[in-house]
Amino acid sequence: MHQARDKAAMEKAVKDVKDFIHRLPSPSLAPELQRDFHIAYELVMVEKPVSKPEKPTLNTEDDLVY
């Protein structure tokens, strides 16, 4: 799914893992796994706003007039 860039499949896999983690007793999940899951969740599930950088204004003060 990752190589195919199938976002829907990746989101479903993350949701399945999240559901599985919530069914486990809380002390049974290692802190490393909690951290790794949180990173994966943020990368896959959270939409990041796409913004274009603002272009600087064109300096026309030094244009030569012919």
C-alpha atoms as a PDB file:
ATOM      1  CA  MET A   1       0.000   0.000   0.000  1.00  0.00           C
ATOM      2  CA  HIS A   2       2.903   2.355   0.670  1.00  0.00           C
ATOM      3  CA  GLN A   3       4.596   1.719  -2.667  1.00  0.00           C
ATOM      4  CA  ALA A   4       1.257   1.999  -4.447  1.00  0.00           C
ATOM      5  CA  ARG A   5       0.679   5.321  -2.636  1.00  0.00           C
ATOM      6  CA  ASP A   6      -2.795   4.157  -1.654  1.00  0.00           C
ATOM      7  CA  LYS A   7      -3.723   6.781   0.937  1.00  0.00           C
ATOM      8  CA  ALA A   8      -7.093   5.186   1.688  1.00  0.00           C
ATOM      9  CA  ALA A   9      -5.449   1.825   2.464  1.00  0.00           C
ATOM     10  CA  MET A  10      -2.854   3.506   4.660  1.00  0.00           C
ATOM     11  CA  GLU A  11      -5.552   5.396   6.565  1.00  0.00           C
ATOM     12  CA  LYS A  12      -7.518   2.168   7.056  1.00  0.00           C
ATOM     13  CA  ALA A  13      -4.396   0.387   8.341  1.00  0.00           C
ATOM     14  CA  VAL A  14      -3.695   3.185  10.820  1.00  0.00           C
ATOM     15  CA  LYS A  15      -7.319   3.114  12.013  1.00  0.00           C
ATOM     16  CA  ASP A  16      -7.133  -0.675  12.444  1.00  0.00           C
ATOM     17  CA  VAL A  17      -3.949  -0.370  14.513  1.00  0.00           C
ATOM     18  CA  LYS A  18      -5.512   2.411  16.589  1.00  0.00           C
ATOM     19  CA  ASP A  19      -8.561   0.234  17.303  1.00  0.00           C
ATOM     20  CA  PHE A  20      -6.290  -2.677  18.217  1.00  0.00           C
ATOM     21  CA  ILE A  21      -4.209  -0.525  20.575  1.00  0.00           C
ATOM     22  CA  HIS A  22      -7.338   0.763  22.328  1.00  0.00           C
ATOM     23  CA  ARG A  23      -8.485  -2.819  22.966  1.00  0.00           C
ATOM     24  CA  LEU A  24      -5.224  -3.663  24.753  1.00  0.00           C
ATOM     25  CA  PRO A  25      -4.806  -3.074  28.471  1.00  0.00           C
ATOM     26  CA  SER A  26      -3.077   0.296  28.769  1.00  0.00           C
ATOM     27  CA  PRO A  27       0.078  -0.759  30.653  1.00  0.00           C
ATOM     28  CA  SER A  28       0.807  -3.538  28.138  1.00  0.00           C
ATOM     29  CA  LEU A  29       1.846  -1.164  25.344  1.00  0.00           C
ATOM     30  CA  ALA A  30       5.497  -0.155  25.428  1.00  0.00           C
ATOM     31  CA  PRO A  31       6.219   3.589  25.380  1.00  0.00           C
ATOM     32  CA  GLU A  32       8.273   3.137  22.206  1.00  0.00           C
ATOM     33  CA  LEU A  33       5.266   1.643  20.429  1.00  0.00           C
ATOM     34  CA  GLN A  34       3.026   4.456  21.634  1.00  0.00           C
ATOM     35  CA  ARG A  35       5.528   7.017  20.329  1.00  0.00           C
ATOM     36  CA  ASP A  36       5.923   5.228  16.981  1.00  0.00           C
ATOM     37  CA  PHE A  37       2.170   4.929  16.528  1.00  0.00           C
ATOM     38  CA  HIS A  38       1.693   8.603  17.341  1.00  0.00           C
ATOM     39  CA  ILE A  39       4.286   9.535  14.694  1.00  0.00           C
ATOM     40  CA  ALA A  40       2.625   7.293  12.094  1.00  0.00           C
ATOM     41  CA  TYR A  41      -0.810   8.662  12.971  1.00  0.00           C
ATOM     42  CA  GLU A  42       0.384  12.256  12.557  1.00  0.00           C
ATOM     43  CA  LEU A  43       2.043  11.505   9.210  1.00  0.00           C
ATOM     44  CA  VAL A  44      -0.860   9.584   7.681  1.00  0.00           C
ATOM     45  CA  MET A  45      -4.044  10.923   9.238  1.00  0.00           C
ATOM     46  CA  VAL A  46      -3.453  14.622   9.890  1.00  0.00           C
ATOM     47  CA  GLU A  47      -3.931  16.804   6.834  1.00  0.00           C
ATOM     48  CA  LYS A  48      -1.308  19.487   6.550  1.00  0.00           C
ATOM     49  CA  PRO A  49      -2.241  22.768   4.908  1.00  0.00           C
ATOM     50  CA  VAL A  50      -0.425  23.330   1.667  1.00  0.00           C
ATOM     51  CA  SER A  51       0.733  26.887   1.354  1.00  0.00           C
ATOM     52  CA  LYS A  52       2.811  28.456  -1.337  1.00  0.00           C
ATOM     53  CA  PRO A  53       5.595  30.717  -0.160  1.00  0.00           C
ATOM     54  CA  GLU A  54       4.918  34.368  -0.812  1.00  0.00           C
ATOM     55  CA  LYS A  55       6.974  35.722  -3.664  1.00  0.00           C
ATOM     56  CA  PRO A  56       8.920  38.905  -3.036  1.00  0.00           C
ATOM     57  CA  THR A  57       7.812  42.039  -4.846  1.00  0.00           C
ATOM     58  CA  LEU A  58       9.634  42.876  -8.011  1.00  0.00           C
ATOM     59  CA  ASN A  59      12.119  45.689  -7.643  1.00  0.00           C
ATOM     60  CA  THR A  60      11.458  48.090 -10.530  1.00  0.00           C
ATOM     61  CA  GLU A  61      13.194  51.153  -9.091  1.00  0.00           C
ATOM     62  CA  ASP A  62      16.461  50.460 -10.870  1.00  0.00           C
ATOM     63  CA  ASP A  63      14.963  49.780 -14.314  1.00  0.00           C
ATOM     64  CA  LEU A  64      16.688  51.715 -17.033  1.00  0.00           C
ATOM     65  CA  VAL A  65      14.551  53.640 -19.485  1.00  0.00           C
ATOM     66  CA  TYR A  66      15.795  53.378 -23.069  1.00  0.00           C
END
